[in-house]
PDB file of all heavy atoms in Angstrom:
ATOM      1  N   GLY A   1     116.046  33.467  78.427  1.00  0.00           N
ATOM      2  CA  GLY A   1     115.287  33.084  79.609  1.00  0.00           C
ATOM      3  C   GLY A   1     114.060  32.239  79.335  1.00  0.00           C
ATOM      4  O   GLY A   1     113.416  31.771  80.274  1.00  0.00           O
ATOM      5  N   THR A   2     113.732  32.023  78.070  1.00  0.00           N
ATOM      6  CA  THR A   2     112.494  31.315  77.749  1.00  0.00           C
ATOM      7  C   THR A   2     112.616  29.800  77.918  1.00  0.00           C
ATOM      8  O   THR A   2     113.704  29.236  77.774  1.00  0.00           O
ATOM      9  CB  THR A   2     112.051  31.631  76.310  1.00  0.00           C
ATOM     10  OG1 THR A   2     110.757  31.068  76.070  1.00  0.00           O
ATOM     11  CG2 THR A   2     113.033  31.064  75.292  1.00  0.00           C
ATOM     12  N   ASP A   3     111.492  29.163  78.226  1.00  0.00           N
ATOM     13  CA  ASP A   3     111.414  27.699  78.265  1.00  0.00           C
ATOM     14  C   ASP A   3     110.687  27.150  77.040  1.00  0.00           C
ATOM     15  O   ASP A   3     110.355  25.963  76.999  1.00  0.00           O
ATOM     16  CB  ASP A   3     110.696  27.233  79.539  1.00  0.00           C
ATOM     17  CG  ASP A   3     111.562  27.368  80.769  1.00  0.00           C
ATOM     18  OD1 ASP A   3     112.761  27.064  80.691  1.00  0.00           O
ATOM     19  OD2 ASP A   3     111.048  27.806  81.812  1.00  0.00           O
ATOM     20  N   TRP A   4     110.397  28.000  76.055  1.00  0.00           N
ATOM     21  CA  TRP A   4     109.738  27.550  74.839  1.00  0.00           C
ATOM     22  C   TRP A   4     110.493  26.359  74.251  1.00  0.00           C
ATOM     23  O   TRP A   4     111.735  26.363  74.245  1.00  0.00           O
ATOM     24  CB  TRP A   4     109.718  28.687  73.810  1.00  0.00           C
ATOM     25  CG  TRP A   4     109.172  28.261  72.487  1.00  0.00           C
ATOM     26  CD1 TRP A   4     107.876  28.263  72.098  1.00  0.00           C
ATOM     27  CD2 TRP A   4     109.924  27.743  71.370  1.00  0.00           C
ATOM     28  NE1 TRP A   4     107.764  27.773  70.817  1.00  0.00           N
ATOM     29  CE2 TRP A   4     109.012  27.438  70.351  1.00  0.00           C
ATOM     30  CE3 TRP A   4     111.271  27.488  71.147  1.00  0.00           C
ATOM     31  CZ2 TRP A   4     109.404  26.914  69.120  1.00  0.00           C
ATOM     32  CZ3 TRP A   4     111.680  26.955  69.929  1.00  0.00           C
ATOM     33  CH2 TRP A   4     110.740  26.665  68.922  1.00  0.00           C
ATOM     34  N   PRO A   5     109.792  25.373  73.729  1.00  0.00           N
ATOM     35  CA  PRO A   5     108.330  25.205  73.681  1.00  0.00           C
ATOM     36  C   PRO A   5     107.783  24.365  74.832  1.00  0.00           C
ATOM     37  O   PRO A   5     106.792  23.676  74.678  1.00  0.00           O
ATOM     38  CB  PRO A   5     108.144  24.481  72.350  1.00  0.00           C
ATOM     39  CG  PRO A   5     109.360  23.587  72.268  1.00  0.00           C
ATOM     40  CD  PRO A   5     110.481  24.354  72.912  1.00  0.00           C
ATOM     41  N   HIS A   6     108.451  24.450  75.985  1.00  0.00           N
ATOM     42  CA  HIS A   6     108.076  23.616  77.136  1.00  0.00           C
ATOM     43  C   HIS A   6     107.611  24.459  78.319  1.00  0.00           C
ATOM     44  O   HIS A   6     107.814  24.083  79.474  1.00  0.00           O
ATOM     45  CB  HIS A   6     109.258  22.742  77.545  1.00  0.00           C
ATOM     46  CG  HIS A   6     109.839  21.924  76.428  1.00  0.00           C
ATOM     47  ND1 HIS A   6     109.125  20.911  75.823  1.00  0.00           N
ATOM     48  CD2 HIS A   6     111.028  22.009  75.791  1.00  0.00           C
ATOM     49  CE1 HIS A   6     109.873  20.378  74.865  1.00  0.00           C
ATOM     50  NE2 HIS A   6     111.035  21.031  74.830  1.00  0.00           N
ATOM     51  N   SER A   7     106.987  25.598  78.037  1.00  0.00           N
ATOM     52  CA  SER A   7     106.588  26.487  79.126  1.00  0.00           C
ATOM     53  C   SER A   7     105.627  25.813  80.093  1.00  0.00           C
ATOM     54  O   SER A   7     105.726  25.991  81.312  1.00  0.00           O
ATOM     55  CB  SER A   7     105.948  27.757  78.556  1.00  0.00           C
ATOM     56  OG  SER A   7     106.913  28.540  77.875  1.00  0.00           O
ATOM     57  N   TRP A   8     104.693  25.018  79.555  1.00  0.00           N
ATOM     58  CA  TRP A   8     103.714  24.372  80.431  1.00  0.00           C
ATOM     59  C   TRP A   8     104.388  23.385  81.391  1.00  0.00           C
ATOM     60  O   TRP A   8     103.930  23.194  82.521  1.00  0.00           O
ATOM     61  CB  TRP A   8     102.622  23.678  79.622  1.00  0.00           C
ATOM     62  CG  TRP A   8     101.432  24.547  79.353  1.00  0.00           C
ATOM     63  CD1 TRP A   8     101.067  25.109  78.166  1.00  0.00           C
ATOM     64  CD2 TRP A   8     100.436  24.956  80.305  1.00  0.00           C
ATOM     65  NE1 TRP A   8      99.917  25.855  78.307  1.00  0.00           N
ATOM     66  CE2 TRP A   8      99.505  25.773  79.610  1.00  0.00           C
ATOM     67  CE3 TRP A   8     100.250  24.727  81.663  1.00  0.00           C
ATOM     68  CZ2 TRP A   8      98.401  26.345  80.234  1.00  0.00           C
ATOM     69  CZ3 TRP A   8      99.145  25.304  82.292  1.00  0.00           C
ATOM     70  CH2 TRP A   8      98.244  26.105  81.579  1.00  0.00           C
ATOM     71  N   GLU A   9     105.463  22.744  80.961  1.00  0.00           N
ATOM     72  CA  GLU A   9     106.158  21.814  81.844  1.00  0.00           C
ATOM     73  C   GLU A   9     106.744  22.543  83.045  1.00  0.00           C
ATOM     74  O   GLU A   9     106.641  22.087  84.193  1.00  0.00           O
ATOM     75  CB  GLU A   9     107.263  21.091  81.073  1.00  0.00           C
ATOM     76  CG  GLU A   9     106.735  20.174  79.982  1.00  0.00           C
ATOM     77  CD  GLU A   9     107.850  19.530  79.188  1.00  0.00           C
ATOM     78  OE1 GLU A   9     108.995  19.461  79.715  1.00  0.00           O
ATOM     79  OE2 GLU A   9     107.601  19.106  78.052  1.00  0.00           O
ATOM     80  N   THR A  10     107.362  23.694  82.801  1.00  0.00           N
ATOM     81  CA  THR A  10     107.908  24.496  83.904  1.00  0.00           C
ATOM     82  C   THR A  10     106.788  25.003  84.793  1.00  0.00           C
ATOM     83  O   THR A  10     106.893  24.984  86.035  1.00  0.00           O
ATOM     84  CB  THR A  10     108.712  25.681  83.353  1.00  0.00           C
ATOM     85  OG1 THR A  10     109.781  25.181  82.542  1.00  0.00           O
ATOM     86  CG2 THR A  10     109.284  26.527  84.480  1.00  0.00           C
ATOM     87  N   ILE A  11     105.705  25.457  84.181  1.00  0.00           N
ATOM     88  CA  ILE A  11     104.565  25.964  84.947  1.00  0.00           C
ATOM     89  C   ILE A  11     104.012  24.884  85.868  1.00  0.00           C
ATOM     90  O   ILE A  11     103.790  25.116  87.051  1.00  0.00           O
ATOM     91  CB  ILE A  11     103.476  26.482  83.987  1.00  0.00           C
ATOM     92  CG1 ILE A  11     103.931  27.798  83.344  1.00  0.00           C
ATOM     93  CG2 ILE A  11     102.148  26.667  84.718  1.00  0.00           C
ATOM     94  CD1 ILE A  11     103.080  28.232  82.168  1.00  0.00           C
ATOM     95  N   GLU A  12     103.801  23.697  85.331  1.00  0.00           N
ATOM     96  CA  GLU A  12     103.218  22.626  86.136  1.00  0.00           C
ATOM     97  C   GLU A  12     104.114  22.262  87.314  1.00  0.00           C
ATOM     98  O   GLU A  12     103.637  21.963  88.409  1.00  0.00           O
ATOM     99  CB  GLU A  12     102.943  21.393  85.271  1.00  0.00           C
ATOM    100  CG  GLU A  12     101.897  21.605  84.178  1.00  0.00           C
ATOM    101  CD  GLU A  12     100.491  21.863  84.722  1.00  0.00           C
ATOM    102  OE1 GLU A  12     100.307  21.869  85.948  1.00  0.00           O
ATOM    103  OE2 GLU A  12      99.580  22.066  83.904  1.00  0.00           O
ATOM    104  N   SER A  13     105.424  22.302  87.112  1.00  0.00           N
ATOM    105  CA  SER A  13     106.327  21.974  88.212  1.00  0.00           C
ATOM    106  C   SER A  13     106.310  23.041  89.292  1.00  0.00           C
ATOM    107  O   SER A  13     106.529  22.739  90.476  1.00  0.00           O
ATOM    108  CB  SER A  13     107.755  21.788  87.688  1.00  0.00           C
ATOM    109  OG  SER A  13     108.305  23.017  87.238  1.00  0.00           O
ATOM    110  N   ASN A  14     106.030  24.293  88.905  1.00  0.00           N
ATOM    111  CA  ASN A  14     105.993  25.395  89.870  1.00  0.00           C
ATOM    112  C   ASN A  14     104.627  25.590  90.511  1.00  0.00           C
ATOM    113  O   ASN A  14     104.527  26.260  91.541  1.00  0.00           O
ATOM    114  CB  ASN A  14     106.410  26.707  89.201  1.00  0.00           C
ATOM    115  CG  ASN A  14     107.881  26.745  88.859  1.00  0.00           C
ATOM    116  OD1 ASN A  14     108.690  26.048  89.460  1.00  0.00           O
ATOM    117  ND2 ASN A  14     108.242  27.559  87.878  1.00  0.00           N
ATOM    118  N   PHE A  15     103.585  25.049  89.899  1.00  0.00           N
ATOM    119  CA  PHE A  15     102.221  25.307  90.361  1.00  0.00           C
ATOM    120  C   PHE A  15     101.580  24.094  91.036  1.00  0.00           C
ATOM    121  O   PHE A  15     100.360  24.034  91.154  1.00  0.00           O
ATOM    122  CB  PHE A  15     101.342  25.751  89.183  1.00  0.00           C
ATOM    123  CG  PHE A  15     101.439  27.218  88.864  1.00  0.00           C
ATOM    124  CD1 PHE A  15     102.554  27.730  88.228  1.00  0.00           C
ATOM    125  CD2 PHE A  15     100.421  28.091  89.217  1.00  0.00           C
ATOM    126  CE1 PHE A  15     102.652  29.077  87.932  1.00  0.00           C
ATOM    127  CE2 PHE A  15     100.499  29.439  88.924  1.00  0.00           C
ATOM    128  CZ  PHE A  15     101.630  29.946  88.285  1.00  0.00           C
ATOM    129  N   GLN A  16     102.375  23.187  91.491  1.00  0.00           N
ATOM    130  CA  GLN A  16     101.804  22.029  92.165  1.00  0.00           C
ATOM    131  C   GLN A  16     101.039  22.473  93.411  1.00  0.00           C
ATOM    132  O   GLN A  16     101.547  23.212  94.238  1.00  0.00           O
ATOM    133  CB  GLN A  16     102.912  21.047  92.557  1.00  0.00           C
ATOM    134  CG  GLN A  16     103.590  20.392  91.370  1.00  0.00           C
ATOM    135  CD  GLN A  16     104.645  19.376  91.773  1.00  0.00           C
ATOM    136  OE1 GLN A  16     104.597  18.830  92.870  1.00  0.00           O
ATOM    137  NE2 GLN A  16     105.588  19.125  90.885  1.00  0.00           N
ATOM    138  N   GLY A  17      99.791  22.005  93.513  1.00  0.00           N
ATOM    139  CA  GLY A  17      98.961  22.353  94.655  1.00  0.00           C
ATOM    140  C   GLY A  17      98.253  23.685  94.556  1.00  0.00           C
ATOM    141  O   GLY A  17      97.480  24.047  95.450  1.00  0.00           O
ATOM    142  N   VAL A  18      98.475  24.440  93.487  1.00  0.00           N
ATOM    143  CA  VAL A  18      97.807  25.730  93.311  1.00  0.00           C
ATOM    144  C   VAL A  18      96.418  25.489  92.736  1.00  0.00           C
ATOM    145  O   VAL A  18      96.278  24.824  91.704  1.00  0.00           O
ATOM    146  CB  VAL A  18      98.618  26.650  92.374  1.00  0.00           C
ATOM    147  CG1 VAL A  18      97.871  27.958  92.135  1.00  0.00           C
ATOM    148  CG2 VAL A  18     100.000  26.918  92.964  1.00  0.00           C
ATOM    149  N   PRO A  19      95.359  26.019  93.366  1.00  0.00           N
ATOM    150  CA  PRO A  19      94.002  25.822  92.841  1.00  0.00           C
ATOM    151  C   PRO A  19      93.873  26.340  91.410  1.00  0.00           C
ATOM    152  O   PRO A  19      94.546  27.301  91.013  1.00  0.00           O
ATOM    153  CB  PRO A  19      93.131  26.639  93.806  1.00  0.00           C
ATOM    154  CG  PRO A  19      93.930  26.702  95.069  1.00  0.00           C
ATOM    155  CD  PRO A  19      95.361  26.767  94.635  1.00  0.00           C
ATOM    156  N   GLU A  20      92.990  25.714  90.649  1.00  0.00           N
ATOM    157  CA  GLU A  20      92.862  26.055  89.229  1.00  0.00           C
ATOM    158  C   GLU A  20      92.468  27.499  89.003  1.00  0.00           C
ATOM    159  O   GLU A  20      92.929  28.134  88.050  1.00  0.00           O
ATOM    160  CB  GLU A  20      91.859  25.115  88.559  1.00  0.00           C
ATOM    161  CG  GLU A  20      92.367  23.699  88.369  1.00  0.00           C
ATOM    162  CD  GLU A  20      93.619  23.646  87.503  1.00  0.00           C
ATOM    163  OE1 GLU A  20      93.625  24.271  86.424  1.00  0.00           O
ATOM    164  OE2 GLU A  20      94.593  22.990  87.915  1.00  0.00           O
ATOM    165  N   ASP A  21      91.590  28.057  89.847  1.00  0.00           N
ATOM    166  CA  ASP A  21      91.176  29.439  89.638  1.00  0.00           C
ATOM    167  C   ASP A  21      92.333  30.403  89.865  1.00  0.00           C
ATOM    168  O   ASP A  21      92.471  31.417  89.168  1.00  0.00           O
ATOM    169  CB  ASP A  21      89.980  29.797  90.530  1.00  0.00           C
ATOM    170  CG  ASP A  21      90.291  29.665  92.012  1.00  0.00           C
ATOM    171  OD1 ASP A  21      91.123  28.813  92.390  1.00  0.00           O
ATOM    172  OD2 ASP A  21      89.701  30.428  92.803  1.00  0.00           O
ATOM    173  N   GLU A  22      93.211  30.091  90.812  1.00  0.00           N
ATOM    174  CA  GLU A  22      94.368  30.943  91.068  1.00  0.00           C
ATOM    175  C   GLU A  22      95.386  30.815  89.940  1.00  0.00           C
ATOM    176  O   GLU A  22      95.999  31.797  89.510  1.00  0.00           O
ATOM    177  CB  GLU A  22      95.002  30.576  92.407  1.00  0.00           C
ATOM    178  CG  GLU A  22      94.083  30.840  93.602  1.00  0.00           C
ATOM    179  CD  GLU A  22      94.745  30.513  94.925  1.00  0.00           C
ATOM    180  OE1 GLU A  22      95.932  30.143  94.934  1.00  0.00           O
ATOM    181  OE2 GLU A  22      94.059  30.638  95.966  1.00  0.00           O
ATOM    182  N   LYS A  23      95.560  29.586  89.450  1.00  0.00           N
ATOM    183  CA  LYS A  23      96.467  29.358  88.329  1.00  0.00           C
ATOM    184  C   LYS A  23      96.014  30.160  87.106  1.00  0.00           C
ATOM    185  O   LYS A  23      96.834  30.799  86.430  1.00  0.00           O
ATOM    186  CB  LYS A  23      96.514  27.862  87.996  1.00  0.00           C
ATOM    187  CG  LYS A  23      97.476  27.512  86.871  1.00  0.00           C
ATOM    188  CD  LYS A  23      97.337  26.061  86.431  1.00  0.00           C
ATOM    189  CE  LYS A  23      97.731  25.094  87.518  1.00  0.00           C
ATOM    190  NZ  LYS A  23      97.730  23.689  87.004  1.00  0.00           N
ATOM    191  N   PHE A  24      94.718  30.132  86.842  1.00  0.00           N
ATOM    192  CA  PHE A  24      94.199  30.850  85.683  1.00  0.00           C
ATOM    193  C   PHE A  24      94.454  32.355  85.788  1.00  0.00           C
ATOM    194  O   PHE A  24      94.842  33.005  84.816  1.00  0.00           O
ATOM    195  CB  PHE A  24      92.704  30.586  85.520  1.00  0.00           C
ATOM    196  CG  PHE A  24      92.072  31.401  84.423  1.00  0.00           C
ATOM    197  CD1 PHE A  24      92.277  31.082  83.095  1.00  0.00           C
ATOM    198  CD2 PHE A  24      91.301  32.516  84.717  1.00  0.00           C
ATOM    199  CE1 PHE A  24      91.723  31.836  82.073  1.00  0.00           C
ATOM    200  CE2 PHE A  24      90.741  33.286  83.716  1.00  0.00           C
ATOM    201  CZ  PHE A  24      90.952  32.939  82.383  1.00  0.00           C
ATOM    202  N   LYS A  25      94.249  32.921  86.975  1.00  0.00           N
ATOM    203  CA  LYS A  25      94.480  34.359  87.153  1.00  0.00           C
ATOM    204  C   LYS A  25      95.911  34.737  86.778  1.00  0.00           C
ATOM    205  O   LYS A  25      96.143  35.693  86.041  1.00  0.00           O
ATOM    206  CB  LYS A  25      94.213  34.764  88.601  1.00  0.00           C
ATOM    207  CG  LYS A  25      92.764  34.929  88.961  1.00  0.00           C
ATOM    208  CD  LYS A  25      92.632  35.455  90.396  1.00  0.00           C
ATOM    209  CE  LYS A  25      91.175  35.667  90.772  1.00  0.00           C
ATOM    210  NZ  LYS A  25      91.058  36.213  92.153  1.00  0.00           N
ATOM    211  N   ILE A  26      96.857  33.993  87.300  1.00  0.00           N
ATOM    212  CA  ILE A  26      98.266  34.336  87.105  1.00  0.00           C
ATOM    213  C   ILE A  26      98.708  34.094  85.673  1.00  0.00           C
ATOM    214  O   ILE A  26      99.495  34.866  85.111  1.00  0.00           O
ATOM    215  CB  ILE A  26      99.134  33.531  88.095  1.00  0.00           C
ATOM    216  CG1 ILE A  26      98.810  33.938  89.541  1.00  0.00           C
ATOM    217  CG2 ILE A  26     100.619  33.727  87.803  1.00  0.00           C
ATOM    218  CD1 ILE A  26      99.441  33.043  90.591  1.00  0.00           C
ATOM    219  N   LEU A  27      98.225  33.046  85.060  1.00  0.00           N
ATOM    220  CA  LEU A  27      98.705  32.629  83.738  1.00  0.00           C
ATOM    221  C   LEU A  27      97.935  33.249  82.576  1.00  0.00           C
ATOM    222  O   LEU A  27      98.421  33.215  81.444  1.00  0.00           O
ATOM    223  CB  LEU A  27      98.650  31.112  83.629  1.00  0.00           C
ATOM    224  CG  LEU A  27      99.499  30.340  84.649  1.00  0.00           C
ATOM    225  CD1 LEU A  27      99.296  28.844  84.477  1.00  0.00           C
ATOM    226  CD2 LEU A  27     100.979  30.699  84.517  1.00  0.00           C
ATOM    227  N   ALA A  28      96.757  33.793  82.844  1.00  0.00           N
ATOM    228  CA  ALA A  28      95.968  34.355  81.739  1.00  0.00           C
ATOM    229  C   ALA A  28      95.007  35.447  82.187  1.00  0.00           C
ATOM    230  O   ALA A  28      94.908  36.495  81.538  1.00  0.00           O
ATOM    231  CB  ALA A  28      95.189  33.243  81.032  1.00  0.00           C
ATOM    232  N   GLY A  29      94.272  35.229  83.267  1.00  0.00           N
ATOM    233  CA  GLY A  29      93.168  36.118  83.620  1.00  0.00           C
ATOM    234  C   GLY A  29      93.577  37.541  83.911  1.00  0.00           C
ATOM    235  O   GLY A  29      92.932  38.496  83.443  1.00  0.00           O
ATOM    236  N   ASN A  30      94.633  37.739  84.695  1.00  0.00           N
ATOM    237  CA  ASN A  30      95.060  39.100  85.027  1.00  0.00           C
ATOM    238  C   ASN A  30      95.498  39.852  83.780  1.00  0.00           C
ATOM    239  O   ASN A  30      95.160  41.027  83.594  1.00  0.00           O
ATOM    240  CB  ASN A  30      96.205  39.068  86.048  1.00  0.00           C
ATOM    241  CG  ASN A  30      95.779  38.516  87.391  1.00  0.00           C
ATOM    242  OD1 ASN A  30      94.608  38.595  87.767  1.00  0.00           O
ATOM    243  ND2 ASN A  30      96.726  37.948  88.130  1.00  0.00           N
TER     244      ASN A  30
END
């Protein structure tokens, strides 16, 4: 199920229009 080593590419395609603070919470902060 992994997208390694292109995880950021998948993330960017799914997170279009998501504010940076919300993106950070989901991807690292929580």
